[in-house]
């Protein structure tokens, strides 16, 4: 008999985070497929953003600062 969704969730609670991440990635793989035009547009956008960072036009925000902002928002 196949496992229920609740049984699967309960089972995965005992897994290491990297294994859960792999499962989520594999389950959502098909959800993230898109047409070639969309992929090309995203590549153009990513390349533009990388160029802005590398040229110094845009400065990144340190991960610690981003995490602090998120914690502050979630504490509201």
PDB file of N, CA and C in Angstrom:
ATOM      1  N   UNK A   1       0.853  -1.183   0.000  1.00  0.00           N
ATOM      2  CA  UNK A   1       0.000   0.000   0.000  1.00  0.00           C
ATOM      3  C   UNK A   1       0.899   1.247   0.000  1.00  0.00           C
ATOM      4  N   UNK A   2       0.640   2.225  -0.881  1.00  0.00           N
ATOM      5  CA  UNK A   2       1.453   3.435  -0.942  1.00  0.00           C
ATOM      6  C   UNK A   2       1.334   4.258   0.341  1.00  0.00           C
ATOM      7  N   UNK A   3       2.385   5.017   0.634  1.00  0.00           N
ATOM      8  CA  UNK A   3       2.372   5.888   1.810  1.00  0.00           C
ATOM      9  C   UNK A   3       1.429   7.063   1.571  1.00  0.00           C
ATOM     10  N   UNK A   4       0.809   7.544   2.651  1.00  0.00           N
ATOM     11  CA  UNK A   4      -0.018   8.750   2.547  1.00  0.00           C
ATOM     12  C   UNK A   4       0.899   9.964   2.573  1.00  0.00           C
ATOM     13  N   UNK A   5       0.367  11.097   2.186  1.00  0.00           N
ATOM     14  CA  UNK A   5       1.145  12.331   2.223  1.00  0.00           C
ATOM     15  C   UNK A   5       1.609  12.627   3.646  1.00  0.00           C
ATOM     16  N   UNK A   6       0.746  12.431   4.615  1.00  0.00           N
ATOM     17  CA  UNK A   6       1.123  12.664   6.020  1.00  0.00           C
ATOM     18  C   UNK A   6       2.273  11.746   6.441  1.00  0.00           C
ATOM     19  N   UNK A   7       2.244  10.497   5.991  1.00  0.00           N
ATOM     20  CA  UNK A   7       3.323   9.556   6.322  1.00  0.00           C
ATOM     21  C   UNK A   7       4.648   9.986   5.688  1.00  0.00           C
ATOM     22  N   UNK A   8       4.566  10.481   4.462  1.00  0.00           N
ATOM     23  CA  UNK A   8       5.778  10.945   3.785  1.00  0.00           C
ATOM     24  C   UNK A   8       6.364  12.146   4.523  1.00  0.00           C
ATOM     25  N   UNK A   9       5.516  13.089   4.875  1.00  0.00           N
ATOM     26  CA  UNK A   9       5.977  14.273   5.608  1.00  0.00           C
ATOM     27  C   UNK A   9       6.606  13.862   6.927  1.00  0.00           C
ATOM     28  N   UNK A  10       5.967  12.978   7.648  1.00  0.00           N
ATOM     29  CA  UNK A  10       6.504  12.524   8.944  1.00  0.00           C
ATOM     30  C   UNK A  10       7.846  11.835   8.759  1.00  0.00           C
ATOM     31  N   UNK A  11       7.965  11.003   7.750  1.00  0.00           N
ATOM     32  CA  UNK A  11       9.228  10.308   7.475  1.00  0.00           C
ATOM     33  C   UNK A  11      10.343  11.293   7.181  1.00  0.00           C
ATOM     34  N   UNK A  12      10.051  12.310   6.370  1.00  0.00           N
ATOM     35  CA  UNK A  12      11.100  13.252   5.970  1.00  0.00           C
ATOM     36  C   UNK A  12      11.532  14.174   7.108  1.00  0.00           C
ATOM     37  N   UNK A  13      10.752  14.278   8.149  1.00  0.00           N
ATOM     38  CA  UNK A  13      11.151  15.103   9.309  1.00  0.00           C
ATOM     39  C   UNK A  13      12.422  14.564   9.980  1.00  0.00           C
ATOM     40  N   UNK A  14      12.716  13.311   9.737  1.00  0.00           N
ATOM     41  CA  UNK A  14      13.884  12.674  10.356  1.00  0.00           C
ATOM     42  C   UNK A  14      15.095  12.676   9.426  1.00  0.00           C
ATOM     43  N   UNK A  15      14.952  13.215   8.238  1.00  0.00           N
ATOM     44  CA  UNK A  15      16.040  13.226   7.259  1.00  0.00           C
ATOM     45  C   UNK A  15      16.964  14.425   7.478  1.00  0.00           C
ATOM     46  N   UNK A  16      18.215  14.305   7.056  1.00  0.00           N
ATOM     47  CA  UNK A  16      19.110  15.470   7.110  1.00  0.00           C
ATOM     48  C   UNK A  16      18.628  16.536   6.114  1.00  0.00           C
ATOM     49  N   UNK A  17      18.866  17.813   6.410  1.00  0.00           N
ATOM     50  CA  UNK A  17      18.375  18.899   5.555  1.00  0.00           C
ATOM     51  C   UNK A  17      18.784  18.770   4.087  1.00  0.00           C
ATOM     52  N   UNK A  18      20.011  18.306   3.823  1.00  0.00           N
ATOM     53  CA  UNK A  18      20.439  18.208   2.423  1.00  0.00           C
ATOM     54  C   UNK A  18      19.638  17.156   1.658  1.00  0.00           C
ATOM     55  N   UNK A  19      19.225  16.100   2.350  1.00  0.00           N
ATOM     56  CA  UNK A  19      18.413  15.069   1.693  1.00  0.00           C
ATOM     57  C   UNK A  19      17.009  15.590   1.422  1.00  0.00           C
ATOM     58  N   UNK A  20      16.458  16.354   2.357  1.00  0.00           N
ATOM     59  CA  UNK A  20      15.141  16.971   2.153  1.00  0.00           C
ATOM     60  C   UNK A  20      15.219  17.951   0.978  1.00  0.00           C
ATOM     61  N   UNK A  21      16.303  18.734   0.929  1.00  0.00           N
ATOM     62  CA  UNK A  21      16.486  19.667  -0.178  1.00  0.00           C
ATOM     63  C   UNK A  21      16.535  18.964  -1.513  1.00  0.00           C
ATOM     64  N   UNK A  22      17.222  17.835  -1.559  1.00  0.00           N
ATOM     65  CA  UNK A  22      17.286  17.058  -2.799  1.00  0.00           C
ATOM     66  C   UNK A  22      15.892  16.581  -3.203  1.00  0.00           C
ATOM     67  N   UNK A  23      15.124  16.091  -2.234  1.00  0.00           N
ATOM     68  CA  UNK A  23      13.768  15.630  -2.521  1.00  0.00           C
ATOM     69  C   UNK A  23      12.910  16.768  -3.064  1.00  0.00           C
ATOM     70  N   UNK A  24      12.960  17.913  -2.410  1.00  0.00           N
ATOM     71  CA  UNK A  24      12.175  19.063  -2.857  1.00  0.00           C
ATOM     72  C   UNK A  24      12.590  19.462  -4.272  1.00  0.00           C
ATOM     73  N   UNK A  25      13.887  19.498  -4.523  1.00  0.00           N
ATOM     74  CA  UNK A  25      14.375  19.836  -5.850  1.00  0.00           C
ATOM     75  C   UNK A  25      13.861  18.882  -6.915  1.00  0.00           C
ATOM     76  N   UNK A  26      13.913  17.618  -6.603  1.00  0.00           N
ATOM     77  CA  UNK A  26      13.459  16.622  -7.583  1.00  0.00           C
ATOM     78  C   UNK A  26      11.952  16.701  -7.804  1.00  0.00           C
ATOM     79  N   UNK A  27      11.196  16.988  -6.746  1.00  0.00           N
ATOM     80  CA  UNK A  27       9.741  17.075  -6.883  1.00  0.00           C
ATOM     81  C   UNK A  27       9.311  18.330  -7.637  1.00  0.00           C
ATOM     82  N   UNK A  28      10.071  19.398  -7.507  1.00  0.00           N
ATOM     83  CA  UNK A  28       9.675  20.660  -8.141  1.00  0.00           C
ATOM     84  C   UNK A  28      10.357  20.906  -9.481  1.00  0.00           C
ATOM     85  N   UNK A  29      11.210  19.985  -9.897  1.00  0.00           N
ATOM     86  CA  UNK A  29      11.938  20.137 -11.152  1.00  0.00           C
ATOM     87  C   UNK A  29      11.023  20.490 -12.314  1.00  0.00           C
ATOM     88  N   UNK A  30       9.967  19.756 -12.486  1.00  0.00           N
ATOM     89  CA  UNK A  30       9.058  19.972 -13.603  1.00  0.00           C
ATOM     90  C   UNK A  30       8.273  21.281 -13.486  1.00  0.00           C
ATOM     91  N   UNK A  31       8.113  21.783 -12.276  1.00  0.00           N
ATOM     92  CA  UNK A  31       7.382  23.037 -12.094  1.00  0.00           C
ATOM     93  C   UNK A  31       8.172  24.229 -12.623  1.00  0.00           C
ATOM     94  N   UNK A  32       9.491  24.088 -12.696  1.00  0.00           N
ATOM     95  CA  UNK A  32      10.355  25.205 -13.064  1.00  0.00           C
ATOM     96  C   UNK A  32      10.795  25.189 -14.517  1.00  0.00           C
ATOM     97  N   UNK A  33      10.254  24.278 -15.290  1.00  0.00           N
ATOM     98  CA  UNK A  33      10.619  24.268 -16.705  1.00  0.00           C
ATOM     99  C   UNK A  33       9.882  25.396 -17.401  1.00  0.00           C
ATOM    100  N   UNK A  34      10.548  26.032 -18.334  1.00  0.00           N
ATOM    101  CA  UNK A  34       9.909  27.117 -19.060  1.00  0.00           C
ATOM    102  C   UNK A  34      10.357  27.088 -20.511  1.00  0.00           C
ATOM    103  N   UNK A  35       9.752  27.929 -21.272  1.00  0.00           N
ATOM    104  CA  UNK A  35      10.050  27.946 -22.693  1.00  0.00           C
ATOM    105  C   UNK A  35      11.410  28.603 -22.946  1.00  0.00           C
ATOM    106  N   UNK A  36      12.022  28.329 -24.083  1.00  0.00           N
ATOM    107  CA  UNK A  36      13.341  28.877 -24.402  1.00  0.00           C
ATOM    108  C   UNK A  36      13.391  30.406 -24.384  1.00  0.00           C
ATOM    109  N   UNK A  37      12.310  31.058 -24.776  1.00  0.00           N
ATOM    110  CA  UNK A  37      12.277  32.523 -24.774  1.00  0.00           C
ATOM    111  C   UNK A  37      12.397  33.075 -23.351  1.00  0.00           C
ATOM    112  N   UNK A  38      11.689  32.449 -22.423  1.00  0.00           N
ATOM    113  CA  UNK A  38      11.760  32.871 -21.023  1.00  0.00           C
ATOM    114  C   UNK A  38      13.148  32.603 -20.456  1.00  0.00           C
ATOM    115  N   UNK A  39      13.710  31.440 -20.759  1.00  0.00           N
ATOM    116  CA  UNK A  39      15.061  31.105 -20.303  1.00  0.00           C
ATOM    117  C   UNK A  39      16.073  32.118 -20.818  1.00  0.00           C
ATOM    118  N   UNK A  40      15.952  32.508 -22.093  1.00  0.00           N
ATOM    119  CA  UNK A  40      16.871  33.485 -22.684  1.00  0.00           C
ATOM    120  C   UNK A  40      16.728  34.839 -21.999  1.00  0.00           C
ATOM    121  N   UNK A  41      15.490  35.229 -21.696  1.00  0.00           N
ATOM    122  CA  UNK A  41      15.261  36.507 -21.011  1.00  0.00           C
ATOM    123  C   UNK A  41      15.880  36.491 -19.622  1.00  0.00           C
ATOM    124  N   UNK A  42      15.739  35.375 -18.897  1.00  0.00           N
ATOM    125  CA  UNK A  42      16.343  35.271 -17.568  1.00  0.00           C
ATOM    126  C   UNK A  42      17.869  35.317 -17.654  1.00  0.00           C
ATOM    127  N   UNK A  43      18.443  34.651 -18.647  1.00  0.00           N
ATOM    128  CA  UNK A  43      19.889  34.669 -18.807  1.00  0.00           C
ATOM    129  C   UNK A  43      20.383  36.095 -19.053  1.00  0.00           C
ATOM    130  N   UNK A  44      19.674  36.829 -19.889  1.00  0.00           N
ATOM    131  CA  UNK A  44      20.026  38.224 -20.154  1.00  0.00           C
ATOM    132  C   UNK A  44      19.973  39.037 -18.864  1.00  0.00           C
ATOM    133  N   UNK A  45      18.922  38.845 -18.084  1.00  0.00           N
ATOM    134  CA  UNK A  45      18.767  39.580 -16.820  1.00  0.00           C
ATOM    135  C   UNK A  45      19.870  39.215 -15.833  1.00  0.00           C
ATOM    136  N   UNK A  46      20.172  37.947 -15.721  1.00  0.00           N
ATOM    137  CA  UNK A  46      21.230  37.497 -14.807  1.00  0.00           C
ATOM    138  C   UNK A  46      22.571  38.081 -15.221  1.00  0.00           C
ATOM    139  N   UNK A  47      22.866  38.022 -16.522  1.00  0.00           N
ATOM    140  CA  UNK A  47      24.129  38.584 -17.023  1.00  0.00           C
ATOM    141  C   UNK A  47      24.222  40.078 -16.724  1.00  0.00           C
ATOM    142  N   UNK A  48      23.100  40.800 -16.885  1.00  0.00           N
ATOM    143  CA  UNK A  48      23.075  42.236 -16.598  1.00  0.00           C
ATOM    144  C   UNK A  48      23.375  42.500 -15.122  1.00  0.00           C
ATOM    145  N   UNK A  49      22.746  41.729 -14.259  1.00  0.00           N
ATOM    146  CA  UNK A  49      22.951  41.939 -12.825  1.00  0.00           C
ATOM    147  C   UNK A  49      24.381  41.606 -12.399  1.00  0.00           C
ATOM    148  N   UNK A  50      24.940  40.545 -12.958  1.00  0.00           N
ATOM    149  CA  UNK A  50      26.327  40.186 -12.653  1.00  0.00           C
ATOM    150  C   UNK A  50      27.256  41.312 -13.079  1.00  0.00           C
ATOM    151  N   UNK A  51      27.029  41.852 -14.271  1.00  0.00           N
ATOM    152  CA  UNK A  51      27.850  42.959 -14.779  1.00  0.00           C
ATOM    153  C   UNK A  51      27.767  44.170 -13.861  1.00  0.00           C
ATOM    154  N   UNK A  52      26.566  44.494 -13.382  1.00  0.00           N
ATOM    155  CA  UNK A  52      26.392  45.631 -12.476  1.00  0.00           C
ATOM    156  C   UNK A  52      27.175  45.439 -11.180  1.00  0.00           C
ATOM    157  N   UNK A  53      27.168  44.235 -10.655  1.00  0.00           N
ATOM    158  CA  UNK A  53      27.904  43.952  -9.418  1.00  0.00           C
ATOM    159  C   UNK A  53      29.395  43.995  -9.672  1.00  0.00           C
ATOM    160  N   UNK A  54      29.850  43.330 -10.739  1.00  0.00           N
ATOM    161  CA  UNK A  54      31.284  43.276 -11.024  1.00  0.00           C
ATOM    162  C   UNK A  54      31.862  44.647 -11.370  1.00  0.00           C
ATOM    163  N   UNK A  55      31.066  45.507 -11.984  1.00  0.00           N
ATOM    164  CA  UNK A  55      31.553  46.835 -12.352  1.00  0.00           C
ATOM    165  C   UNK A  55      31.514  47.805 -11.180  1.00  0.00           C
ATOM    166  N   UNK A  56      30.836  47.436 -10.108  1.00  0.00           N
ATOM    167  CA  UNK A  56      30.724  48.310  -8.946  1.00  0.00           C
ATOM    168  C   UNK A  56      29.527  49.237  -9.020  1.00  0.00           C
ATOM    169  N   UNK A  57      28.754  49.162 -10.083  1.00  0.00           N
ATOM    170  CA  UNK A  57      27.562  50.004 -10.236  1.00  0.00           C
ATOM    171  C   UNK A  57      26.550  49.696  -9.131  1.00  0.00           C
ATOM    172  N   UNK A  58      26.486  48.433  -8.747  1.00  0.00           N
ATOM    173  CA  UNK A  58      25.571  47.986  -7.698  1.00  0.00           C
ATOM    174  C   UNK A  58      26.396  47.267  -6.640  1.00  0.00           C
ATOM    175  N   UNK A  59      26.079  47.524  -5.373  1.00  0.00           N
ATOM    176  CA  UNK A  59      26.793  46.869  -4.281  1.00  0.00           C
ATOM    177  C   UNK A  59      25.857  45.857  -3.637  1.00  0.00           C
ATOM    178  N   UNK A  60      26.367  44.665  -3.403  1.00  0.00           N
ATOM    179  CA  UNK A  60      25.571  43.628  -2.764  1.00  0.00           C
ATOM    180  C   UNK A  60      25.349  43.920  -1.284  1.00  0.00           C
ATOM    181  N   UNK A  61      24.404  43.232  -0.711  1.00  0.00           N
ATOM    182  CA  UNK A  61      24.120  43.357   0.719  1.00  0.00           C
ATOM    183  C   UNK A  61      24.634  42.096   1.394  1.00  0.00           C
ATOM    184  N   UNK A  62      25.457  42.246   2.443  1.00  0.00           N
ATOM    185  CA  UNK A  62      25.990  41.066   3.133  1.00  0.00           C
ATOM    186  C   UNK A  62      24.861  40.160   3.656  1.00  0.00           C
ATOM    187  N   UNK A  63      25.098  38.861   3.585  1.00  0.00           N
ATOM    188  CA  UNK A  63      24.092  37.884   4.009  1.00  0.00           C
ATOM    189  C   UNK A  63      23.643  38.110   5.448  1.00  0.00           C
ATOM    190  N   UNK A  64      24.571  38.501   6.319  1.00  0.00           N
ATOM    191  CA  UNK A  64      24.210  38.728   7.728  1.00  0.00           C
ATOM    192  C   UNK A  64      23.185  39.846   7.848  1.00  0.00           C
ATOM    193  N   UNK A  65      23.361  40.896   7.037  1.00  0.00           N
ATOM    194  CA  UNK A  65      22.420  42.014   7.066  1.00  0.00           C
ATOM    195  C   UNK A  65      21.051  41.588   6.534  1.00  0.00           C
ATOM    196  N   UNK A  66      21.035  40.809   5.473  1.00  0.00           N
ATOM    197  CA  UNK A  66      19.778  40.311   4.912  1.00  0.00           C
ATOM    198  C   UNK A  66      19.066  39.444   5.945  1.00  0.00           C
ATOM    199  N   UNK A  67      19.814  38.558   6.591  1.00  0.00           N
ATOM    200  CA  UNK A  67      19.217  37.687   7.612  1.00  0.00           C
ATOM    201  C   UNK A  67      18.643  38.503   8.763  1.00  0.00           C
ATOM    202  N   UNK A  68      19.360  39.547   9.171  1.00  0.00           N
ATOM    203  CA  UNK A  68      18.873  40.403  10.260  1.00  0.00           C
ATOM    204  C   UNK A  68      17.572  41.098   9.851  1.00  0.00           C
ATOM    205  N   UNK A  69      17.519  41.571   8.630  1.00  0.00           N
ATOM    206  CA  UNK A  69      16.294  42.224   8.140  1.00  0.00           C
ATOM    207  C   UNK A  69      15.130  41.236   8.139  1.00  0.00           C
ATOM    208  N   UNK A  70      15.377  40.023   7.690  1.00  0.00           N
ATOM    209  CA  UNK A  70      14.320  39.009   7.641  1.00  0.00           C
ATOM    210  C   UNK A  70      13.819  38.693   9.040  1.00  0.00           C
ATOM    211  N   UNK A  71      14.768  38.506   9.972  1.00  0.00           N
ATOM    212  CA  UNK A  71      14.373  38.220  11.359  1.00  0.00           C
ATOM    213  C   UNK A  71      13.522  39.364  11.921  1.00  0.00           C
ATOM    214  N   UNK A  72      13.885  40.592  11.608  1.00  0.00           N
ATOM    215  CA  UNK A  72      13.131  41.761  12.092  1.00  0.00           C
ATOM    216  C   UNK A  72      11.728  41.759  11.518  1.00  0.00           C
ATOM    217  N   UNK A  73      11.594  41.468  10.226  1.00  0.00           N
ATOM    218  CA  UNK A  73      10.283  41.430   9.585  1.00  0.00           C
ATOM    219  C   UNK A  73       9.417  40.321  10.181  1.00  0.00           C
ATOM    220  N   UNK A  74      10.010  39.147  10.380  1.00  0.00           N
ATOM    221  CA  UNK A  74       9.248  38.015  10.915  1.00  0.00           C
ATOM    222  C   UNK A  74       8.845  38.199  12.373  1.00  0.00           C
ATOM    223  N   UNK A  75       9.565  39.055  13.088  1.00  0.00           N
ATOM    224  CA  UNK A  75       9.262  39.288  14.501  1.00  0.00           C
ATOM    225  C   UNK A  75       8.060  40.199  14.686  1.00  0.00           C
ATOM    226  N   UNK A  76       7.606  40.828  13.622  1.00  0.00           N
ATOM    227  CA  UNK A  76       6.481  41.776  13.738  1.00  0.00           C
ATOM    228  C   UNK A  76       5.214  41.092  14.136  1.00  0.00           C
TER     229      UNK A  76
END
